[in-house]
Amino acid sequence: MIQIPLSPEAYAATAKLISEKQGIDLTGDEGTITKMGVTASYRYADGHLSIAILEKPFFITTEYCEDQIKNWLSTAA
């Protein structure tokens, strides 16, 4: 699971940039996202964005998926 501290303003800005750059919509404070065969849940609460991988292709590790998401988030910040 990924947990990233973000202020409400930073979360809104990050959600907007992730939508523009990756085509992934973080709508509201929690939900599910899917891209390239990977499905993850996300939740923004108490100043933290938490993302958990729910499904992925068998040939990709969870760590790889998490690293890709972290890269997307770091480029959005």
PDB file of N, CA and C in Angstrom:
ATOM      1  N   MET A   1       0.846  -1.182   0.000  1.00  0.00           N
ATOM      2  CA  MET A   1       0.000   0.000   0.000  1.00  0.00           C
ATOM      3  C   MET A   1       0.887   1.241   0.000  1.00  0.00           C
ATOM      4  N   ILE A   2       0.451   2.215  -0.753  1.00  0.00           N
ATOM      5  CA  ILE A   2       1.149   3.494  -0.824  1.00  0.00           C
ATOM      6  C   ILE A   2       0.403   4.484   0.068  1.00  0.00           C
ATOM      7  N   GLN A   3       1.119   5.252   0.862  1.00  0.00           N
ATOM      8  CA  GLN A   3       0.526   6.334   1.645  1.00  0.00           C
ATOM      9  C   GLN A   3       1.394   7.568   1.464  1.00  0.00           C
ATOM     10  N   ILE A   4       0.761   8.640   0.987  1.00  0.00           N
ATOM     11  CA  ILE A   4       1.485   9.873   0.705  1.00  0.00           C
ATOM     12  C   ILE A   4       0.799  11.027   1.428  1.00  0.00           C
ATOM     13  N   PRO A   5       1.540  11.786   2.236  1.00  0.00           N
ATOM     14  CA  PRO A   5       0.940  12.941   2.889  1.00  0.00           C
ATOM     15  C   PRO A   5       0.705  14.062   1.867  1.00  0.00           C
ATOM     16  N   LEU A   6      -0.512  14.594   1.852  1.00  0.00           N
ATOM     17  CA  LEU A   6      -0.874  15.694   0.952  1.00  0.00           C
ATOM     18  C   LEU A   6      -1.885  16.600   1.641  1.00  0.00           C
ATOM     19  N   SER A   7      -1.692  17.890   1.505  1.00  0.00           N
ATOM     20  CA  SER A   7      -2.709  18.828   1.979  1.00  0.00           C
ATOM     21  C   SER A   7      -3.912  18.715   1.039  1.00  0.00           C
ATOM     22  N   PRO A   8      -5.080  19.200   1.454  1.00  0.00           N
ATOM     23  CA  PRO A   8      -6.246  19.168   0.559  1.00  0.00           C
ATOM     24  C   PRO A   8      -5.976  19.873  -0.776  1.00  0.00           C
ATOM     25  N   GLU A   9      -5.241  20.976  -0.724  1.00  0.00           N
ATOM     26  CA  GLU A   9      -4.925  21.709  -1.958  1.00  0.00           C
ATOM     27  C   GLU A   9      -3.997  20.894  -2.857  1.00  0.00           C
ATOM     28  N   ALA A  10      -2.999  20.254  -2.239  1.00  0.00           N
ATOM     29  CA  ALA A  10      -2.061  19.424  -3.004  1.00  0.00           C
ATOM     30  C   ALA A  10      -2.772  18.209  -3.590  1.00  0.00           C
ATOM     31  N   TYR A  11      -3.720  17.625  -2.847  1.00  0.00           N
ATOM     32  CA  TYR A  11      -4.484  16.488  -3.363  1.00  0.00           C
ATOM     33  C   TYR A  11      -5.297  16.908  -4.584  1.00  0.00           C
ATOM     34  N   ALA A  12      -5.960  18.049  -4.505  1.00  0.00           N
ATOM     35  CA  ALA A  12      -6.759  18.542  -5.643  1.00  0.00           C
ATOM     36  C   ALA A  12      -5.867  18.789  -6.857  1.00  0.00           C
ATOM     37  N   ALA A  13      -4.712  19.404  -6.645  1.00  0.00           N
ATOM     38  CA  ALA A  13      -3.795  19.683  -7.746  1.00  0.00           C
ATOM     39  C   ALA A  13      -3.235  18.380  -8.329  1.00  0.00           C
ATOM     40  N   THR A  14      -2.896  17.438  -7.472  1.00  0.00           N
ATOM     41  CA  THR A  14      -2.376  16.149  -7.918  1.00  0.00           C
ATOM     42  C   THR A  14      -3.431  15.386  -8.712  1.00  0.00           C
ATOM     43  N   ALA A  15      -4.665  15.382  -8.218  1.00  0.00           N
ATOM     44  CA  ALA A  15      -5.746  14.694  -8.922  1.00  0.00           C
ATOM     45  C   ALA A  15      -5.944  15.276 -10.315  1.00  0.00           C
ATOM     46  N   LYS A  16      -5.868  16.580 -10.418  1.00  0.00           N
ATOM     47  CA  LYS A  16      -6.028  17.236 -11.717  1.00  0.00           C
ATOM     48  C   LYS A  16      -4.898  16.851 -12.669  1.00  0.00           C
ATOM     49  N   LEU A  17      -3.658  16.897 -12.193  1.00  0.00           N
ATOM     50  CA  LEU A  17      -2.519  16.567 -13.046  1.00  0.00           C
ATOM     51  C   LEU A  17      -2.485  15.092 -13.442  1.00  0.00           C
ATOM     52  N   ILE A  18      -2.856  14.205 -12.535  1.00  0.00           N
ATOM     53  CA  ILE A  18      -2.909  12.774 -12.856  1.00  0.00           C
ATOM     54  C   ILE A  18      -3.969  12.534 -13.933  1.00  0.00           C
ATOM     55  N   SER A  19      -5.068  13.243 -13.847  1.00  0.00           N
ATOM     56  CA  SER A  19      -6.106  13.122 -14.870  1.00  0.00           C
ATOM     57  C   SER A  19      -5.582  13.589 -16.223  1.00  0.00           C
ATOM     58  N   GLU A  20      -4.912  14.732 -16.232  1.00  0.00           N
ATOM     59  CA  GLU A  20      -4.400  15.295 -17.484  1.00  0.00           C
ATOM     60  C   GLU A  20      -3.265  14.454 -18.081  1.00  0.00           C
ATOM     61  N   LYS A  21      -2.328  14.000 -17.241  1.00  0.00           N
ATOM     62  CA  LYS A  21      -1.142  13.309 -17.742  1.00  0.00           C
ATOM     63  C   LYS A  21      -1.333  11.811 -17.952  1.00  0.00           C
ATOM     64  N   GLN A  22      -2.155  11.174 -17.115  1.00  0.00           N
ATOM     65  CA  GLN A  22      -2.296   9.722 -17.169  1.00  0.00           C
ATOM     66  C   GLN A  22      -3.689   9.252 -17.567  1.00  0.00           C
ATOM     67  N   GLY A  23      -4.647  10.177 -17.629  1.00  0.00           N
ATOM     68  CA  GLY A  23      -6.013   9.779 -17.964  1.00  0.00           C
ATOM     69  C   GLY A  23      -6.704   9.008 -16.847  1.00  0.00           C
ATOM     70  N   ILE A  24      -6.236   9.213 -15.625  1.00  0.00           N
ATOM     71  CA  ILE A  24      -6.816   8.545 -14.453  1.00  0.00           C
ATOM     72  C   ILE A  24      -7.551   9.594 -13.628  1.00  0.00           C
ATOM     73  N   ASP A  25      -8.835   9.361 -13.391  1.00  0.00           N
ATOM     74  CA  ASP A  25      -9.630  10.326 -12.645  1.00  0.00           C
ATOM     75  C   ASP A  25      -9.769   9.907 -11.182  1.00  0.00           C
ATOM     76  N   LEU A  26      -9.248  10.745 -10.293  1.00  0.00           N
ATOM     77  CA  LEU A  26      -9.463  10.576  -8.860  1.00  0.00           C
ATOM     78  C   LEU A  26     -10.664  11.452  -8.516  1.00  0.00           C
ATOM     79  N   THR A  27     -11.836  10.851  -8.561  1.00  0.00           N
ATOM     80  CA  THR A  27     -13.073  11.580  -8.344  1.00  0.00           C
ATOM     81  C   THR A  27     -13.497  11.435  -6.884  1.00  0.00           C
ATOM     82  N   GLY A  28     -13.547  12.537  -6.179  1.00  0.00           N
ATOM     83  CA  GLY A  28     -13.914  12.485  -4.771  1.00  0.00           C
ATOM     84  C   GLY A  28     -12.756  12.016  -3.914  1.00  0.00           C
ATOM     85  N   ASP A  29     -13.096  11.641  -2.692  1.00  0.00           N
ATOM     86  CA  ASP A  29     -12.062  11.256  -1.731  1.00  0.00           C
ATOM     87  C   ASP A  29     -11.733   9.771  -1.735  1.00  0.00           C
ATOM     88  N   GLU A  30     -12.541   8.962  -2.419  1.00  0.00           N
ATOM     89  CA  GLU A  30     -12.201   7.550  -2.515  1.00  0.00           C
ATOM     90  C   GLU A  30     -12.881   6.921  -3.717  1.00  0.00           C
ATOM     91  N   GLY A  31     -12.265   5.858  -4.183  1.00  0.00           N
ATOM     92  CA  GLY A  31     -12.809   5.177  -5.343  1.00  0.00           C
ATOM     93  C   GLY A  31     -11.850   4.129  -5.853  1.00  0.00           C
ATOM     94  N   THR A  32     -12.076   3.738  -7.105  1.00  0.00           N
ATOM     95  CA  THR A  32     -11.266   2.722  -7.753  1.00  0.00           C
ATOM     96  C   THR A  32     -10.769   3.275  -9.076  1.00  0.00           C
ATOM     97  N   ILE A  33      -9.531   2.961  -9.416  1.00  0.00           N
ATOM     98  CA  ILE A  33      -8.949   3.386 -10.683  1.00  0.00           C
ATOM     99  C   ILE A  33      -8.409   2.151 -11.404  1.00  0.00           C
ATOM    100  N   THR A  34      -8.423   2.216 -12.734  1.00  0.00           N
ATOM    101  CA  THR A  34      -7.914   1.110 -13.545  1.00  0.00           C
ATOM    102  C   THR A  34      -7.124   1.667 -14.711  1.00  0.00           C
ATOM    103  N   LYS A  35      -5.962   1.053 -14.964  1.00  0.00           N
ATOM    104  CA  LYS A  35      -5.150   1.415 -16.122  1.00  0.00           C
ATOM    105  C   LYS A  35      -4.246   0.239 -16.456  1.00  0.00           C
ATOM    106  N   MET A  36      -4.220  -0.114 -17.723  1.00  0.00           N
ATOM    107  CA  MET A  36      -3.328  -1.149 -18.242  1.00  0.00           C
ATOM    108  C   MET A  36      -3.421  -2.466 -17.461  1.00  0.00           C
ATOM    109  N   GLY A  37      -4.629  -2.871 -17.118  1.00  0.00           N
ATOM    110  CA  GLY A  37      -4.828  -4.143 -16.436  1.00  0.00           C
ATOM    111  C   GLY A  37      -4.613  -4.119 -14.938  1.00  0.00           C
ATOM    112  N   VAL A  38      -4.299  -2.958 -14.397  1.00  0.00           N
ATOM    113  CA  VAL A  38      -4.093  -2.826 -12.955  1.00  0.00           C
ATOM    114  C   VAL A  38      -5.256  -2.042 -12.364  1.00  0.00           C
ATOM    115  N   THR A  39      -5.843  -2.591 -11.315  1.00  0.00           N
ATOM    116  CA  THR A  39      -6.930  -1.920 -10.609  1.00  0.00           C
ATOM    117  C   THR A  39      -6.466  -1.634  -9.186  1.00  0.00           C
ATOM    118  N   ALA A  40      -6.712  -0.412  -8.741  1.00  0.00           N
ATOM    119  CA  ALA A  40      -6.308  -0.003  -7.390  1.00  0.00           C
ATOM    120  C   ALA A  40      -7.438   0.790  -6.750  1.00  0.00           C
ATOM    121  N   SER A  41      -7.472   0.744  -5.443  1.00  0.00           N
ATOM    122  CA  SER A  41      -8.395   1.596  -4.701  1.00  0.00           C
ATOM    123  C   SER A  41      -7.604   2.781  -4.165  1.00  0.00           C
ATOM    124  N   TYR A  42      -8.278   3.915  -4.020  1.00  0.00           N
ATOM    125  CA  TYR A  42      -7.626   5.073  -3.425  1.00  0.00           C
ATOM    126  C   TYR A  42      -8.565   5.696  -2.411  1.00  0.00           C
ATOM    127  N   ARG A  43      -7.950   6.357  -1.434  1.00  0.00           N
ATOM    128  CA  ARG A  43      -8.713   7.055  -0.396  1.00  0.00           C
ATOM    129  C   ARG A  43      -7.878   8.224   0.095  1.00  0.00           C
ATOM    130  N   TYR A  44      -8.495   9.404   0.129  1.00  0.00           N
ATOM    131  CA  TYR A  44      -7.839  10.571   0.692  1.00  0.00           C
ATOM    132  C   TYR A  44      -8.548  10.906   1.999  1.00  0.00           C
ATOM    133  N   ALA A  45      -7.815  10.830   3.103  1.00  0.00           N
ATOM    134  CA  ALA A  45      -8.388  11.128   4.420  1.00  0.00           C
ATOM    135  C   ALA A  45      -7.271  11.543   5.362  1.00  0.00           C
ATOM    136  N   ASP A  46      -7.586  12.446   6.251  1.00  0.00           N
ATOM    137  CA  ASP A  46      -6.649  12.878   7.295  1.00  0.00           C
ATOM    138  C   ASP A  46      -5.298  13.313   6.732  1.00  0.00           C
ATOM    139  N   GLY A  47      -5.315  13.965   5.563  1.00  0.00           N
ATOM    140  CA  GLY A  47      -4.086  14.493   4.985  1.00  0.00           C
ATOM    141  C   GLY A  47      -3.199  13.462   4.308  1.00  0.00           C
ATOM    142  N   HIS A  48      -3.732  12.265   4.017  1.00  0.00           N
ATOM    143  CA  HIS A  48      -2.960  11.213   3.360  1.00  0.00           C
ATOM    144  C   HIS A  48      -3.746  10.615   2.203  1.00  0.00           C
ATOM    145  N   LEU A  49      -3.046  10.387   1.100  1.00  0.00           N
ATOM    146  CA  LEU A  49      -3.602   9.647  -0.021  1.00  0.00           C
ATOM    147  C   LEU A  49      -3.085   8.218   0.098  1.00  0.00           C
ATOM    148  N   SER A  50      -4.003   7.260   0.213  1.00  0.00           N
ATOM    149  CA  SER A  50      -3.647   5.848   0.307  1.00  0.00           C
ATOM    150  C   SER A  50      -4.101   5.148  -0.962  1.00  0.00           C
ATOM    151  N   ILE A  51      -3.225   4.342  -1.533  1.00  0.00           N
ATOM    152  CA  ILE A  51      -3.535   3.599  -2.748  1.00  0.00           C
ATOM    153  C   ILE A  51      -3.140   2.149  -2.524  1.00  0.00           C
ATOM    154  N   ALA A  52      -4.076   1.232  -2.815  1.00  0.00           N
ATOM    155  CA  ALA A  52      -3.813  -0.202  -2.665  1.00  0.00           C
ATOM    156  C   ALA A  52      -4.103  -0.905  -3.982  1.00  0.00           C
ATOM    157  N   ILE A  53      -3.196  -1.752  -4.418  1.00  0.00           N
ATOM    158  CA  ILE A  53      -3.374  -2.532  -5.635  1.00  0.00           C
ATOM    159  C   ILE A  53      -4.375  -3.655  -5.333  1.00  0.00           C
ATOM    160  N   LEU A  54      -5.427  -3.732  -6.139  1.00  0.00           N
ATOM    161  CA  LEU A  54      -6.446  -4.764  -5.946  1.00  0.00           C
ATOM    162  C   LEU A  54      -6.282  -5.923  -6.925  1.00  0.00           C
ATOM    163  N   GLU A  55      -6.006  -5.598  -8.178  1.00  0.00           N
ATOM    164  CA  GLU A  55      -5.820  -6.616  -9.212  1.00  0.00           C
ATOM    165  C   GLU A  55      -4.697  -6.178 -10.140  1.00  0.00           C
ATOM    166  N   LYS A  56      -3.987  -7.160 -10.681  1.00  0.00           N
ATOM    167  CA  LYS A  56      -2.899  -6.878 -11.610  1.00  0.00           C
ATOM    168  C   LYS A  56      -2.642  -8.120 -12.436  1.00  0.00           C
ATOM    169  N   PRO A  57      -2.010  -7.967 -13.596  1.00  0.00           N
ATOM    170  CA  PRO A  57      -1.617  -9.151 -14.353  1.00  0.00           C
ATOM    171  C   PRO A  57      -0.634  -9.994 -13.532  1.00  0.00           C
ATOM    172  N   PHE A  58      -0.680 -11.308 -13.690  1.00  0.00           N
ATOM    173  CA  PHE A  58       0.139 -12.200 -12.879  1.00  0.00           C
ATOM    174  C   PHE A  58       1.637 -11.987 -13.089  1.00  0.00           C
ATOM    175  N   PHE A  59       2.017 -11.465 -14.237  1.00  0.00           N
ATOM    176  CA  PHE A  59       3.443 -11.328 -14.552  1.00  0.00           C
ATOM    177  C   PHE A  59       4.044 -10.002 -14.086  1.00  0.00           C
ATOM    178  N   ILE A  60       3.263  -9.174 -13.414  1.00  0.00           N
ATOM    179  CA  ILE A  60       3.746  -7.891 -12.886  1.00  0.00           C
ATOM    180  C   ILE A  60       3.654  -7.940 -11.368  1.00  0.00           C
ATOM    181  N   THR A  61       4.703  -7.507 -10.691  1.00  0.00           N
ATOM    182  CA  THR A  61       4.685  -7.519  -9.230  1.00  0.00           C
ATOM    183  C   THR A  61       3.904  -6.326  -8.681  1.00  0.00           C
ATOM    184  N   THR A  62       3.436  -6.477  -7.482  1.00  0.00           N
ATOM    185  CA  THR A  62       2.760  -5.378  -6.798  1.00  0.00           C
ATOM    186  C   THR A  62       3.726  -4.215  -6.613  1.00  0.00           C
ATOM    187  N   GLU A  63       4.973  -4.518  -6.295  1.00  0.00           N
ATOM    188  CA  GLU A  63       5.981  -3.475  -6.088  1.00  0.00           C
ATOM    189  C   GLU A  63       6.178  -2.647  -7.356  1.00  0.00           C
ATOM    190  N   TYR A  64       6.196  -3.309  -8.508  1.00  0.00           N
ATOM    191  CA  TYR A  64       6.341  -2.579  -9.774  1.00  0.00           C
ATOM    192  C   TYR A  64       5.158  -1.632  -9.974  1.00  0.00           C
ATOM    193  N   CYS A  65       3.948  -2.122  -9.722  1.00  0.00           N
ATOM    194  CA  CYS A  65       2.752  -1.279  -9.854  1.00  0.00           C
ATOM    195  C   CYS A  65       2.832  -0.072  -8.927  1.00  0.00           C
ATOM    196  N   GLU A  66       3.229  -0.317  -7.686  1.00  0.00           N
ATOM    197  CA  GLU A  66       3.342   0.773  -6.720  1.00  0.00           C
ATOM    198  C   GLU A  66       4.413   1.775  -7.141  1.00  0.00           C
ATOM    199  N   ASP A  67       5.527   1.287  -7.662  1.00  0.00           N
ATOM    200  CA  ASP A  67       6.582   2.193  -8.127  1.00  0.00           C
ATOM    201  C   ASP A  67       6.091   3.076  -9.270  1.00  0.00           C
ATOM    202  N   GLN A  68       5.326   2.513 -10.190  1.00  0.00           N
ATOM    203  CA  GLN A  68       4.784   3.299 -11.298  1.00  0.00           C
ATOM    204  C   GLN A  68       3.835   4.382 -10.792  1.00  0.00           C
ATOM    205  N   ILE A  69       2.991   4.030  -9.852  1.00  0.00           N
ATOM    206  CA  ILE A  69       2.064   5.009  -9.277  1.00  0.00           C
ATOM    207  C   ILE A  69       2.844   6.107  -8.554  1.00  0.00           C
ATOM    208  N   LYS A  70       3.859   5.733  -7.797  1.00  0.00           N
ATOM    209  CA  LYS A  70       4.688   6.732  -7.110  1.00  0.00           C
ATOM    210  C   LYS A  70       5.346   7.669  -8.121  1.00  0.00           C
ATOM    211  N   ASN A  71       5.814   7.126  -9.243  1.00  0.00           N
ATOM    212  CA  ASN A  71       6.403   7.966 -10.289  1.00  0.00           C
ATOM    213  C   ASN A  71       5.378   8.941 -10.846  1.00  0.00           C
ATOM    214  N   TRP A  72       4.165   8.475 -11.096  1.00  0.00           N
ATOM    215  CA  TRP A  72       3.106   9.365 -11.606  1.00  0.00           C
ATOM    216  C   TRP A  72       2.836  10.480 -10.600  1.00  0.00           C
ATOM    217  N   LEU A  73       2.771  10.091  -9.321  1.00  0.00           N
ATOM    218  CA  LEU A  73       2.481  11.088  -8.291  1.00  0.00           C
ATOM    219  C   LEU A  73       3.628  12.086  -8.138  1.00  0.00           C
ATOM    220  N   SER A  74       4.854  11.619  -8.259  1.00  0.00           N
ATOM    221  CA  SER A  74       5.984  12.532  -8.102  1.00  0.00           C
ATOM    222  C   SER A  74       6.081  13.508  -9.270  1.00  0.00           C
ATOM    223  N   THR A  75       5.696  13.091 -10.466  1.00  0.00           N
ATOM    224  CA  THR A  75       5.714  14.003 -11.606  1.00  0.00           C
ATOM    225  C   THR A  75       4.550  14.968 -11.566  1.00  0.00           C
ATOM    226  N   ALA A  76       3.503  14.602 -10.811  1.00  0.00           N
ATOM    227  CA  ALA A  76       2.346  15.486 -10.693  1.00  0.00           C
ATOM    228  C   ALA A  76       2.567  16.556  -9.636  1.00  0.00           C
ATOM    229  N   ALA A  77       3.461  16.288  -8.694  1.00  0.00           N
ATOM    230  CA  ALA A  77       3.668  17.210  -7.564  1.00  0.00           C
ATOM    231  C   ALA A  77       4.413  18.453  -7.983  1.00  0.00           C
TER     232      ALA A  77
END
